[in-house]
Amino acid sequence: FITPIDQEDILHLVQIIDDITDAI
């Protein structure tokens, strides 16, 4: 329910980071 930054921002960031590994 409570995260240090917005959940939406965390979701966005972790998806892009996952995309980096996929791209490699």
PDBML (XML) file of the C-alpha atoms, coordinates in Angstrom:
<?xml version="1.0" encoding="UTF-8" ?>
<PDBx:datablock datablockName="MODEL"
   xmlns:PDBx="http://pdbml.pdb.org/schema/pdbx-v50.xsd"
   xmlns:xsi="http://www.w3.org/2001/XMLSchema-instance"
   xsi:schemaLocation="http://pdbml.pdb.org/schema/pdbx-v50.xsd pdbx-v50.xsd">
   <PDBx:atom_siteCategory>
      <PDBx:atom_site id="1">
         <PDBx:B_iso_or_equiv>0.00</PDBx:B_iso_or_equiv>
         <PDBx:Cartn_x>0.000</PDBx:Cartn_x>
         <PDBx:Cartn_y>0.000</PDBx:Cartn_y>
         <PDBx:Cartn_z>0.000</PDBx:Cartn_z>
         <PDBx:auth_asym_id>A</PDBx:auth_asym_id>
         <PDBx:auth_atom_id>CA</PDBx:auth_atom_id>
         <PDBx:auth_comp_id>PHE</PDBx:auth_comp_id>
         <PDBx:auth_seq_id>1</PDBx:auth_seq_id>
         <PDBx:group_PDB>ATOM</PDBx:group_PDB>
         <PDBx:label_alt_id xsi:nil="true" />
         <PDBx:label_asym_id>A</PDBx:label_asym_id>
         <PDBx:label_atom_id>CA</PDBx:label_atom_id>
         <PDBx:label_comp_id>PHE</PDBx:label_comp_id>
         <PDBx:label_entity_id>1</PDBx:label_entity_id>
         <PDBx:label_seq_id>1</PDBx:label_seq_id>
         <PDBx:occupancy>1.00</PDBx:occupancy>
         <PDBx:pdbx_PDB_model_num>1</PDBx:pdbx_PDB_model_num>
         <PDBx:type_symbol>C</PDBx:type_symbol>
      </PDBx:atom_site>
      <PDBx:atom_site id="2">
         <PDBx:B_iso_or_equiv>0.00</PDBx:B_iso_or_equiv>
         <PDBx:Cartn_x>2.868</PDBx:Cartn_x>
         <PDBx:Cartn_y>2.350</PDBx:Cartn_y>
         <PDBx:Cartn_z>0.767</PDBx:Cartn_z>
         <PDBx:auth_asym_id>A</PDBx:auth_asym_id>
         <PDBx:auth_atom_id>CA</PDBx:auth_atom_id>
         <PDBx:auth_comp_id>ILE</PDBx:auth_comp_id>
         <PDBx:auth_seq_id>2</PDBx:auth_seq_id>
         <PDBx:group_PDB>ATOM</PDBx:group_PDB>
         <PDBx:label_alt_id xsi:nil="true" />
         <PDBx:label_asym_id>A</PDBx:label_asym_id>
         <PDBx:label_atom_id>CA</PDBx:label_atom_id>
         <PDBx:label_comp_id>ILE</PDBx:label_comp_id>
         <PDBx:label_entity_id>1</PDBx:label_entity_id>
         <PDBx:label_seq_id>2</PDBx:label_seq_id>
         <PDBx:occupancy>1.00</PDBx:occupancy>
         <PDBx:pdbx_PDB_model_num>1</PDBx:pdbx_PDB_model_num>
         <PDBx:type_symbol>C</PDBx:type_symbol>
      </PDBx:atom_site>
      <PDBx:atom_site id="3">
         <PDBx:B_iso_or_equiv>0.00</PDBx:B_iso_or_equiv>
         <PDBx:Cartn_x>6.008</PDBx:Cartn_x>
         <PDBx:Cartn_y>2.631</PDBx:Cartn_y>
         <PDBx:Cartn_z>-1.375</PDBx:Cartn_z>
         <PDBx:auth_asym_id>A</PDBx:auth_asym_id>
         <PDBx:auth_atom_id>CA</PDBx:auth_atom_id>
         <PDBx:auth_comp_id>THR</PDBx:auth_comp_id>
         <PDBx:auth_seq_id>3</PDBx:auth_seq_id>
         <PDBx:group_PDB>ATOM</PDBx:group_PDB>
         <PDBx:label_alt_id xsi:nil="true" />
         <PDBx:label_asym_id>A</PDBx:label_asym_id>
         <PDBx:label_atom_id>CA</PDBx:label_atom_id>
         <PDBx:label_comp_id>THR</PDBx:label_comp_id>
         <PDBx:label_entity_id>1</PDBx:label_entity_id>
         <PDBx:label_seq_id>3</PDBx:label_seq_id>
         <PDBx:occupancy>1.00</PDBx:occupancy>
         <PDBx:pdbx_PDB_model_num>1</PDBx:pdbx_PDB_model_num>
         <PDBx:type_symbol>C</PDBx:type_symbol>
      </PDBx:atom_site>
      <PDBx:atom_site id="4">
         <PDBx:B_iso_or_equiv>0.00</PDBx:B_iso_or_equiv>
         <PDBx:Cartn_x>8.931</PDBx:Cartn_x>
         <PDBx:Cartn_y>5.106</PDBx:Cartn_y>
         <PDBx:Cartn_z>-1.163</PDBx:Cartn_z>
         <PDBx:auth_asym_id>A</PDBx:auth_asym_id>
         <PDBx:auth_atom_id>CA</PDBx:auth_atom_id>
         <PDBx:auth_comp_id>PRO</PDBx:auth_comp_id>
         <PDBx:auth_seq_id>4</PDBx:auth_seq_id>
         <PDBx:group_PDB>ATOM</PDBx:group_PDB>
         <PDBx:label_alt_id xsi:nil="true" />
         <PDBx:label_asym_id>A</PDBx:label_asym_id>
         <PDBx:label_atom_id>CA</PDBx:label_atom_id>
         <PDBx:label_comp_id>PRO</PDBx:label_comp_id>
         <PDBx:label_entity_id>1</PDBx:label_entity_id>
         <PDBx:label_seq_id>4</PDBx:label_seq_id>
         <PDBx:occupancy>1.00</PDBx:occupancy>
         <PDBx:pdbx_PDB_model_num>1</PDBx:pdbx_PDB_model_num>
         <PDBx:type_symbol>C</PDBx:type_symbol>
      </PDBx:atom_site>
      <PDBx:atom_site id="5">
         <PDBx:B_iso_or_equiv>0.00</PDBx:B_iso_or_equiv>
         <PDBx:Cartn_x>8.063</PDBx:Cartn_x>
         <PDBx:Cartn_y>6.495</PDBx:Cartn_y>
         <PDBx:Cartn_z>-4.605</PDBx:Cartn_z>
         <PDBx:auth_asym_id>A</PDBx:auth_asym_id>
         <PDBx:auth_atom_id>CA</PDBx:auth_atom_id>
         <PDBx:auth_comp_id>ILE</PDBx:auth_comp_id>
         <PDBx:auth_seq_id>5</PDBx:auth_seq_id>
         <PDBx:group_PDB>ATOM</PDBx:group_PDB>
         <PDBx:label_alt_id xsi:nil="true" />
         <PDBx:label_asym_id>A</PDBx:label_asym_id>
         <PDBx:label_atom_id>CA</PDBx:label_atom_id>
         <PDBx:label_comp_id>ILE</PDBx:label_comp_id>
         <PDBx:label_entity_id>1</PDBx:label_entity_id>
         <PDBx:label_seq_id>5</PDBx:label_seq_id>
         <PDBx:occupancy>1.00</PDBx:occupancy>
         <PDBx:pdbx_PDB_model_num>1</PDBx:pdbx_PDB_model_num>
         <PDBx:type_symbol>C</PDBx:type_symbol>
      </PDBx:atom_site>
      <PDBx:atom_site id="6">
         <PDBx:B_iso_or_equiv>0.00</PDBx:B_iso_or_equiv>
         <PDBx:Cartn_x>4.880</PDBx:Cartn_x>
         <PDBx:Cartn_y>6.131</PDBx:Cartn_y>
         <PDBx:Cartn_z>-6.648</PDBx:Cartn_z>
         <PDBx:auth_asym_id>A</PDBx:auth_asym_id>
         <PDBx:auth_atom_id>CA</PDBx:auth_atom_id>
         <PDBx:auth_comp_id>ASP</PDBx:auth_comp_id>
         <PDBx:auth_seq_id>6</PDBx:auth_seq_id>
         <PDBx:group_PDB>ATOM</PDBx:group_PDB>
         <PDBx:label_alt_id xsi:nil="true" />
         <PDBx:label_asym_id>A</PDBx:label_asym_id>
         <PDBx:label_atom_id>CA</PDBx:label_atom_id>
         <PDBx:label_comp_id>ASP</PDBx:label_comp_id>
         <PDBx:label_entity_id>1</PDBx:label_entity_id>
         <PDBx:label_seq_id>6</PDBx:label_seq_id>
         <PDBx:occupancy>1.00</PDBx:occupancy>
         <PDBx:pdbx_PDB_model_num>1</PDBx:pdbx_PDB_model_num>
         <PDBx:type_symbol>C</PDBx:type_symbol>
      </PDBx:atom_site>
      <PDBx:atom_site id="7">
         <PDBx:B_iso_or_equiv>0.00</PDBx:B_iso_or_equiv>
         <PDBx:Cartn_x>4.015</PDBx:Cartn_x>
         <PDBx:Cartn_y>2.562</PDBx:Cartn_y>
         <PDBx:Cartn_z>-7.597</PDBx:Cartn_z>
         <PDBx:auth_asym_id>A</PDBx:auth_asym_id>
         <PDBx:auth_atom_id>CA</PDBx:auth_atom_id>
         <PDBx:auth_comp_id>GLN</PDBx:auth_comp_id>
         <PDBx:auth_seq_id>7</PDBx:auth_seq_id>
         <PDBx:group_PDB>ATOM</PDBx:group_PDB>
         <PDBx:label_alt_id xsi:nil="true" />
         <PDBx:label_asym_id>A</PDBx:label_asym_id>
         <PDBx:label_atom_id>CA</PDBx:label_atom_id>
         <PDBx:label_comp_id>GLN</PDBx:label_comp_id>
         <PDBx:label_entity_id>1</PDBx:label_entity_id>
         <PDBx:label_seq_id>7</PDBx:label_seq_id>
         <PDBx:occupancy>1.00</PDBx:occupancy>
         <PDBx:pdbx_PDB_model_num>1</PDBx:pdbx_PDB_model_num>
         <PDBx:type_symbol>C</PDBx:type_symbol>
      </PDBx:atom_site>
      <PDBx:atom_site id="8">
         <PDBx:B_iso_or_equiv>0.00</PDBx:B_iso_or_equiv>
         <PDBx:Cartn_x>3.506</PDBx:Cartn_x>
         <PDBx:Cartn_y>3.697</PDBx:Cartn_y>
         <PDBx:Cartn_z>-11.180</PDBx:Cartn_z>
         <PDBx:auth_asym_id>A</PDBx:auth_asym_id>
         <PDBx:auth_atom_id>CA</PDBx:auth_atom_id>
         <PDBx:auth_comp_id>GLU</PDBx:auth_comp_id>
         <PDBx:auth_seq_id>8</PDBx:auth_seq_id>
         <PDBx:group_PDB>ATOM</PDBx:group_PDB>
         <PDBx:label_alt_id xsi:nil="true" />
         <PDBx:label_asym_id>A</PDBx:label_asym_id>
         <PDBx:label_atom_id>CA</PDBx:label_atom_id>
         <PDBx:label_comp_id>GLU</PDBx:label_comp_id>
         <PDBx:label_entity_id>1</PDBx:label_entity_id>
         <PDBx:label_seq_id>8</PDBx:label_seq_id>
         <PDBx:occupancy>1.00</PDBx:occupancy>
         <PDBx:pdbx_PDB_model_num>1</PDBx:pdbx_PDB_model_num>
         <PDBx:type_symbol>C</PDBx:type_symbol>
      </PDBx:atom_site>
      <PDBx:atom_site id="9">
         <PDBx:B_iso_or_equiv>0.00</PDBx:B_iso_or_equiv>
         <PDBx:Cartn_x>7.098</PDBx:Cartn_x>
         <PDBx:Cartn_y>4.987</PDBx:Cartn_y>
         <PDBx:Cartn_z>-11.316</PDBx:Cartn_z>
         <PDBx:auth_asym_id>A</PDBx:auth_asym_id>
         <PDBx:auth_atom_id>CA</PDBx:auth_atom_id>
         <PDBx:auth_comp_id>ASP</PDBx:auth_comp_id>
         <PDBx:auth_seq_id>9</PDBx:auth_seq_id>
         <PDBx:group_PDB>ATOM</PDBx:group_PDB>
         <PDBx:label_alt_id xsi:nil="true" />
         <PDBx:label_asym_id>A</PDBx:label_asym_id>
         <PDBx:label_atom_id>CA</PDBx:label_atom_id>
         <PDBx:label_comp_id>ASP</PDBx:label_comp_id>
         <PDBx:label_entity_id>1</PDBx:label_entity_id>
         <PDBx:label_seq_id>9</PDBx:label_seq_id>
         <PDBx:occupancy>1.00</PDBx:occupancy>
         <PDBx:pdbx_PDB_model_num>1</PDBx:pdbx_PDB_model_num>
         <PDBx:type_symbol>C</PDBx:type_symbol>
      </PDBx:atom_site>
      <PDBx:atom_site id="10">
         <PDBx:B_iso_or_equiv>0.00</PDBx:B_iso_or_equiv>
         <PDBx:Cartn_x>8.460</PDBx:Cartn_x>
         <PDBx:Cartn_y>1.756</PDBx:Cartn_y>
         <PDBx:Cartn_z>-9.857</PDBx:Cartn_z>
         <PDBx:auth_asym_id>A</PDBx:auth_asym_id>
         <PDBx:auth_atom_id>CA</PDBx:auth_atom_id>
         <PDBx:auth_comp_id>ILE</PDBx:auth_comp_id>
         <PDBx:auth_seq_id>10</PDBx:auth_seq_id>
         <PDBx:group_PDB>ATOM</PDBx:group_PDB>
         <PDBx:label_alt_id xsi:nil="true" />
         <PDBx:label_asym_id>A</PDBx:label_asym_id>
         <PDBx:label_atom_id>CA</PDBx:label_atom_id>
         <PDBx:label_comp_id>ILE</PDBx:label_comp_id>
         <PDBx:label_entity_id>1</PDBx:label_entity_id>
         <PDBx:label_seq_id>10</PDBx:label_seq_id>
         <PDBx:occupancy>1.00</PDBx:occupancy>
         <PDBx:pdbx_PDB_model_num>1</PDBx:pdbx_PDB_model_num>
         <PDBx:type_symbol>C</PDBx:type_symbol>
      </PDBx:atom_site>
      <PDBx:atom_site id="11">
         <PDBx:B_iso_or_equiv>0.00</PDBx:B_iso_or_equiv>
         <PDBx:Cartn_x>6.474</PDBx:Cartn_x>
         <PDBx:Cartn_y>-0.290</PDBx:Cartn_y>
         <PDBx:Cartn_z>-12.376</PDBx:Cartn_z>
         <PDBx:auth_asym_id>A</PDBx:auth_asym_id>
         <PDBx:auth_atom_id>CA</PDBx:auth_atom_id>
         <PDBx:auth_comp_id>LEU</PDBx:auth_comp_id>
         <PDBx:auth_seq_id>11</PDBx:auth_seq_id>
         <PDBx:group_PDB>ATOM</PDBx:group_PDB>
         <PDBx:label_alt_id xsi:nil="true" />
         <PDBx:label_asym_id>A</PDBx:label_asym_id>
         <PDBx:label_atom_id>CA</PDBx:label_atom_id>
         <PDBx:label_comp_id>LEU</PDBx:label_comp_id>
         <PDBx:label_entity_id>1</PDBx:label_entity_id>
         <PDBx:label_seq_id>11</PDBx:label_seq_id>
         <PDBx:occupancy>1.00</PDBx:occupancy>
         <PDBx:pdbx_PDB_model_num>1</PDBx:pdbx_PDB_model_num>
         <PDBx:type_symbol>C</PDBx:type_symbol>
      </PDBx:atom_site>
      <PDBx:atom_site id="12">
         <PDBx:B_iso_or_equiv>0.00</PDBx:B_iso_or_equiv>
         <PDBx:Cartn_x>7.699</PDBx:Cartn_x>
         <PDBx:Cartn_y>1.857</PDBx:Cartn_y>
         <PDBx:Cartn_z>-15.243</PDBx:Cartn_z>
         <PDBx:auth_asym_id>A</PDBx:auth_asym_id>
         <PDBx:auth_atom_id>CA</PDBx:auth_atom_id>
         <PDBx:auth_comp_id>HIS</PDBx:auth_comp_id>
         <PDBx:auth_seq_id>12</PDBx:auth_seq_id>
         <PDBx:group_PDB>ATOM</PDBx:group_PDB>
         <PDBx:label_alt_id xsi:nil="true" />
         <PDBx:label_asym_id>A</PDBx:label_asym_id>
         <PDBx:label_atom_id>CA</PDBx:label_atom_id>
         <PDBx:label_comp_id>HIS</PDBx:label_comp_id>
         <PDBx:label_entity_id>1</PDBx:label_entity_id>
         <PDBx:label_seq_id>12</PDBx:label_seq_id>
         <PDBx:occupancy>1.00</PDBx:occupancy>
         <PDBx:pdbx_PDB_model_num>1</PDBx:pdbx_PDB_model_num>
         <PDBx:type_symbol>C</PDBx:type_symbol>
      </PDBx:atom_site>
      <PDBx:atom_site id="13">
         <PDBx:B_iso_or_equiv>0.00</PDBx:B_iso_or_equiv>
         <PDBx:Cartn_x>11.328</PDBx:Cartn_x>
         <PDBx:Cartn_y>1.677</PDBx:Cartn_y>
         <PDBx:Cartn_z>-14.168</PDBx:Cartn_z>
         <PDBx:auth_asym_id>A</PDBx:auth_asym_id>
         <PDBx:auth_atom_id>CA</PDBx:auth_atom_id>
         <PDBx:auth_comp_id>LEU</PDBx:auth_comp_id>
         <PDBx:auth_seq_id>13</PDBx:auth_seq_id>
         <PDBx:group_PDB>ATOM</PDBx:group_PDB>
         <PDBx:label_alt_id xsi:nil="true" />
         <PDBx:label_asym_id>A</PDBx:label_asym_id>
         <PDBx:label_atom_id>CA</PDBx:label_atom_id>
         <PDBx:label_comp_id>LEU</PDBx:label_comp_id>
         <PDBx:label_entity_id>1</PDBx:label_entity_id>
         <PDBx:label_seq_id>13</PDBx:label_seq_id>
         <PDBx:occupancy>1.00</PDBx:occupancy>
         <PDBx:pdbx_PDB_model_num>1</PDBx:pdbx_PDB_model_num>
         <PDBx:type_symbol>C</PDBx:type_symbol>
      </PDBx:atom_site>
      <PDBx:atom_site id="14">
         <PDBx:B_iso_or_equiv>0.00</PDBx:B_iso_or_equiv>
         <PDBx:Cartn_x>11.459</PDBx:Cartn_x>
         <PDBx:Cartn_y>-2.061</PDBx:Cartn_y>
         <PDBx:Cartn_z>-13.458</PDBx:Cartn_z>
         <PDBx:auth_asym_id>A</PDBx:auth_asym_id>
         <PDBx:auth_atom_id>CA</PDBx:auth_atom_id>
         <PDBx:auth_comp_id>VAL</PDBx:auth_comp_id>
         <PDBx:auth_seq_id>14</PDBx:auth_seq_id>
         <PDBx:group_PDB>ATOM</PDBx:group_PDB>
         <PDBx:label_alt_id xsi:nil="true" />
         <PDBx:label_asym_id>A</PDBx:label_asym_id>
         <PDBx:label_atom_id>CA</PDBx:label_atom_id>
         <PDBx:label_comp_id>VAL</PDBx:label_comp_id>
         <PDBx:label_entity_id>1</PDBx:label_entity_id>
         <PDBx:label_seq_id>14</PDBx:label_seq_id>
         <PDBx:occupancy>1.00</PDBx:occupancy>
         <PDBx:pdbx_PDB_model_num>1</PDBx:pdbx_PDB_model_num>
         <PDBx:type_symbol>C</PDBx:type_symbol>
      </PDBx:atom_site>
      <PDBx:atom_site id="15">
         <PDBx:B_iso_or_equiv>0.00</PDBx:B_iso_or_equiv>
         <PDBx:Cartn_x>9.839</PDBx:Cartn_x>
         <PDBx:Cartn_y>-2.788</PDBx:Cartn_y>
         <PDBx:Cartn_z>-16.836</PDBx:Cartn_z>
         <PDBx:auth_asym_id>A</PDBx:auth_asym_id>
         <PDBx:auth_atom_id>CA</PDBx:auth_atom_id>
         <PDBx:auth_comp_id>GLN</PDBx:auth_comp_id>
         <PDBx:auth_seq_id>15</PDBx:auth_seq_id>
         <PDBx:group_PDB>ATOM</PDBx:group_PDB>
         <PDBx:label_alt_id xsi:nil="true" />
         <PDBx:label_asym_id>A</PDBx:label_asym_id>
         <PDBx:label_atom_id>CA</PDBx:label_atom_id>
         <PDBx:label_comp_id>GLN</PDBx:label_comp_id>
         <PDBx:label_entity_id>1</PDBx:label_entity_id>
         <PDBx:label_seq_id>15</PDBx:label_seq_id>
         <PDBx:occupancy>1.00</PDBx:occupancy>
         <PDBx:pdbx_PDB_model_num>1</PDBx:pdbx_PDB_model_num>
         <PDBx:type_symbol>C</PDBx:type_symbol>
      </PDBx:atom_site>
      <PDBx:atom_site id="16">
         <PDBx:B_iso_or_equiv>0.00</PDBx:B_iso_or_equiv>
         <PDBx:Cartn_x>12.467</PDBx:Cartn_x>
         <PDBx:Cartn_y>-0.777</PDBx:Cartn_y>
         <PDBx:Cartn_z>-18.697</PDBx:Cartn_z>
         <PDBx:auth_asym_id>A</PDBx:auth_asym_id>
         <PDBx:auth_atom_id>CA</PDBx:auth_atom_id>
         <PDBx:auth_comp_id>ILE</PDBx:auth_comp_id>
         <PDBx:auth_seq_id>16</PDBx:auth_seq_id>
         <PDBx:group_PDB>ATOM</PDBx:group_PDB>
         <PDBx:label_alt_id xsi:nil="true" />
         <PDBx:label_asym_id>A</PDBx:label_asym_id>
         <PDBx:label_atom_id>CA</PDBx:label_atom_id>
         <PDBx:label_comp_id>ILE</PDBx:label_comp_id>
         <PDBx:label_entity_id>1</PDBx:label_entity_id>
         <PDBx:label_seq_id>16</PDBx:label_seq_id>
         <PDBx:occupancy>1.00</PDBx:occupancy>
         <PDBx:pdbx_PDB_model_num>1</PDBx:pdbx_PDB_model_num>
         <PDBx:type_symbol>C</PDBx:type_symbol>
      </PDBx:atom_site>
      <PDBx:atom_site id="17">
         <PDBx:B_iso_or_equiv>0.00</PDBx:B_iso_or_equiv>
         <PDBx:Cartn_x>15.277</PDBx:Cartn_x>
         <PDBx:Cartn_y>-2.449</PDBx:Cartn_y>
         <PDBx:Cartn_z>-16.745</PDBx:Cartn_z>
         <PDBx:auth_asym_id>A</PDBx:auth_asym_id>
         <PDBx:auth_atom_id>CA</PDBx:auth_atom_id>
         <PDBx:auth_comp_id>ILE</PDBx:auth_comp_id>
         <PDBx:auth_seq_id>17</PDBx:auth_seq_id>
         <PDBx:group_PDB>ATOM</PDBx:group_PDB>
         <PDBx:label_alt_id xsi:nil="true" />
         <PDBx:label_asym_id>A</PDBx:label_asym_id>
         <PDBx:label_atom_id>CA</PDBx:label_atom_id>
         <PDBx:label_comp_id>ILE</PDBx:label_comp_id>
         <PDBx:label_entity_id>1</PDBx:label_entity_id>
         <PDBx:label_seq_id>17</PDBx:label_seq_id>
         <PDBx:occupancy>1.00</PDBx:occupancy>
         <PDBx:pdbx_PDB_model_num>1</PDBx:pdbx_PDB_model_num>
         <PDBx:type_symbol>C</PDBx:type_symbol>
      </PDBx:atom_site>
      <PDBx:atom_site id="18">
         <PDBx:B_iso_or_equiv>0.00</PDBx:B_iso_or_equiv>
         <PDBx:Cartn_x>13.792</PDBx:Cartn_x>
         <PDBx:Cartn_y>-5.835</PDBx:Cartn_y>
         <PDBx:Cartn_z>-17.622</PDBx:Cartn_z>
         <PDBx:auth_asym_id>A</PDBx:auth_asym_id>
         <PDBx:auth_atom_id>CA</PDBx:auth_atom_id>
         <PDBx:auth_comp_id>ASP</PDBx:auth_comp_id>
         <PDBx:auth_seq_id>18</PDBx:auth_seq_id>
         <PDBx:group_PDB>ATOM</PDBx:group_PDB>
         <PDBx:label_alt_id xsi:nil="true" />
         <PDBx:label_asym_id>A</PDBx:label_asym_id>
         <PDBx:label_atom_id>CA</PDBx:label_atom_id>
         <PDBx:label_comp_id>ASP</PDBx:label_comp_id>
         <PDBx:label_entity_id>1</PDBx:label_entity_id>
         <PDBx:label_seq_id>18</PDBx:label_seq_id>
         <PDBx:occupancy>1.00</PDBx:occupancy>
         <PDBx:pdbx_PDB_model_num>1</PDBx:pdbx_PDB_model_num>
         <PDBx:type_symbol>C</PDBx:type_symbol>
      </PDBx:atom_site>
      <PDBx:atom_site id="19">
         <PDBx:B_iso_or_equiv>0.00</PDBx:B_iso_or_equiv>
         <PDBx:Cartn_x>13.679</PDBx:Cartn_x>
         <PDBx:Cartn_y>-4.699</PDBx:Cartn_y>
         <PDBx:Cartn_z>-21.254</PDBx:Cartn_z>
         <PDBx:auth_asym_id>A</PDBx:auth_asym_id>
         <PDBx:auth_atom_id>CA</PDBx:auth_atom_id>
         <PDBx:auth_comp_id>ASP</PDBx:auth_comp_id>
         <PDBx:auth_seq_id>19</PDBx:auth_seq_id>
         <PDBx:group_PDB>ATOM</PDBx:group_PDB>
         <PDBx:label_alt_id xsi:nil="true" />
         <PDBx:label_asym_id>A</PDBx:label_asym_id>
         <PDBx:label_atom_id>CA</PDBx:label_atom_id>
         <PDBx:label_comp_id>ASP</PDBx:label_comp_id>
         <PDBx:label_entity_id>1</PDBx:label_entity_id>
         <PDBx:label_seq_id>19</PDBx:label_seq_id>
         <PDBx:occupancy>1.00</PDBx:occupancy>
         <PDBx:pdbx_PDB_model_num>1</PDBx:pdbx_PDB_model_num>
         <PDBx:type_symbol>C</PDBx:type_symbol>
      </PDBx:atom_site>
      <PDBx:atom_site id="20">
         <PDBx:B_iso_or_equiv>0.00</PDBx:B_iso_or_equiv>
         <PDBx:Cartn_x>17.422</PDBx:Cartn_x>
         <PDBx:Cartn_y>-3.926</PDBx:Cartn_y>
         <PDBx:Cartn_z>-21.114</PDBx:Cartn_z>
         <PDBx:auth_asym_id>A</PDBx:auth_asym_id>
         <PDBx:auth_atom_id>CA</PDBx:auth_atom_id>
         <PDBx:auth_comp_id>ILE</PDBx:auth_comp_id>
         <PDBx:auth_seq_id>20</PDBx:auth_seq_id>
         <PDBx:group_PDB>ATOM</PDBx:group_PDB>
         <PDBx:label_alt_id xsi:nil="true" />
         <PDBx:label_asym_id>A</PDBx:label_asym_id>
         <PDBx:label_atom_id>CA</PDBx:label_atom_id>
         <PDBx:label_comp_id>ILE</PDBx:label_comp_id>
         <PDBx:label_entity_id>1</PDBx:label_entity_id>
         <PDBx:label_seq_id>20</PDBx:label_seq_id>
         <PDBx:occupancy>1.00</PDBx:occupancy>
         <PDBx:pdbx_PDB_model_num>1</PDBx:pdbx_PDB_model_num>
         <PDBx:type_symbol>C</PDBx:type_symbol>
      </PDBx:atom_site>
      <PDBx:atom_site id="21">
         <PDBx:B_iso_or_equiv>0.00</PDBx:B_iso_or_equiv>
         <PDBx:Cartn_x>18.291</PDBx:Cartn_x>
         <PDBx:Cartn_y>-7.494</PDBx:Cartn_y>
         <PDBx:Cartn_z>-20.138</PDBx:Cartn_z>
         <PDBx:auth_asym_id>A</PDBx:auth_asym_id>
         <PDBx:auth_atom_id>CA</PDBx:auth_atom_id>
         <PDBx:auth_comp_id>THR</PDBx:auth_comp_id>
         <PDBx:auth_seq_id>21</PDBx:auth_seq_id>
         <PDBx:group_PDB>ATOM</PDBx:group_PDB>
         <PDBx:label_alt_id xsi:nil="true" />
         <PDBx:label_asym_id>A</PDBx:label_asym_id>
         <PDBx:label_atom_id>CA</PDBx:label_atom_id>
         <PDBx:label_comp_id>THR</PDBx:label_comp_id>
         <PDBx:label_entity_id>1</PDBx:label_entity_id>
         <PDBx:label_seq_id>21</PDBx:label_seq_id>
         <PDBx:occupancy>1.00</PDBx:occupancy>
         <PDBx:pdbx_PDB_model_num>1</PDBx:pdbx_PDB_model_num>
         <PDBx:type_symbol>C</PDBx:type_symbol>
      </PDBx:atom_site>
      <PDBx:atom_site id="22">
         <PDBx:B_iso_or_equiv>0.00</PDBx:B_iso_or_equiv>
         <PDBx:Cartn_x>15.931</PDBx:Cartn_x>
         <PDBx:Cartn_y>-8.793</PDBx:Cartn_y>
         <PDBx:Cartn_z>-22.810</PDBx:Cartn_z>
         <PDBx:auth_asym_id>A</PDBx:auth_asym_id>
         <PDBx:auth_atom_id>CA</PDBx:auth_atom_id>
         <PDBx:auth_comp_id>ASP</PDBx:auth_comp_id>
         <PDBx:auth_seq_id>22</PDBx:auth_seq_id>
         <PDBx:group_PDB>ATOM</PDBx:group_PDB>
         <PDBx:label_alt_id xsi:nil="true" />
         <PDBx:label_asym_id>A</PDBx:label_asym_id>
         <PDBx:label_atom_id>CA</PDBx:label_atom_id>
         <PDBx:label_comp_id>ASP</PDBx:label_comp_id>
         <PDBx:label_entity_id>1</PDBx:label_entity_id>
         <PDBx:label_seq_id>22</PDBx:label_seq_id>
         <PDBx:occupancy>1.00</PDBx:occupancy>
         <PDBx:pdbx_PDB_model_num>1</PDBx:pdbx_PDB_model_num>
         <PDBx:type_symbol>C</PDBx:type_symbol>
      </PDBx:atom_site>
      <PDBx:atom_site id="23">
         <PDBx:B_iso_or_equiv>0.00</PDBx:B_iso_or_equiv>
         <PDBx:Cartn_x>17.560</PDBx:Cartn_x>
         <PDBx:Cartn_y>-6.528</PDBx:Cartn_y>
         <PDBx:Cartn_z>-25.415</PDBx:Cartn_z>
         <PDBx:auth_asym_id>A</PDBx:auth_asym_id>
         <PDBx:auth_atom_id>CA</PDBx:auth_atom_id>
         <PDBx:auth_comp_id>ALA</PDBx:auth_comp_id>
         <PDBx:auth_seq_id>23</PDBx:auth_seq_id>
         <PDBx:group_PDB>ATOM</PDBx:group_PDB>
         <PDBx:label_alt_id xsi:nil="true" />
         <PDBx:label_asym_id>A</PDBx:label_asym_id>
         <PDBx:label_atom_id>CA</PDBx:label_atom_id>
         <PDBx:label_comp_id>ALA</PDBx:label_comp_id>
         <PDBx:label_entity_id>1</PDBx:label_entity_id>
         <PDBx:label_seq_id>23</PDBx:label_seq_id>
         <PDBx:occupancy>1.00</PDBx:occupancy>
         <PDBx:pdbx_PDB_model_num>1</PDBx:pdbx_PDB_model_num>
         <PDBx:type_symbol>C</PDBx:type_symbol>
      </PDBx:atom_site>
      <PDBx:atom_site id="24">
         <PDBx:B_iso_or_equiv>0.00</PDBx:B_iso_or_equiv>
         <PDBx:Cartn_x>21.028</PDBx:Cartn_x>
         <PDBx:Cartn_y>-7.804</PDBx:Cartn_y>
         <PDBx:Cartn_z>-24.538</PDBx:Cartn_z>
         <PDBx:auth_asym_id>A</PDBx:auth_asym_id>
         <PDBx:auth_atom_id>CA</PDBx:auth_atom_id>
         <PDBx:auth_comp_id>ILE</PDBx:auth_comp_id>
         <PDBx:auth_seq_id>24</PDBx:auth_seq_id>
         <PDBx:group_PDB>ATOM</PDBx:group_PDB>
         <PDBx:label_alt_id xsi:nil="true" />
         <PDBx:label_asym_id>A</PDBx:label_asym_id>
         <PDBx:label_atom_id>CA</PDBx:label_atom_id>
         <PDBx:label_comp_id>ILE</PDBx:label_comp_id>
         <PDBx:label_entity_id>1</PDBx:label_entity_id>
         <PDBx:label_seq_id>24</PDBx:label_seq_id>
         <PDBx:occupancy>1.00</PDBx:occupancy>
         <PDBx:pdbx_PDB_model_num>1</PDBx:pdbx_PDB_model_num>
         <PDBx:type_symbol>C</PDBx:type_symbol>
      </PDBx:atom_site>
   </PDBx:atom_siteCategory>
</PDBx:datablock>
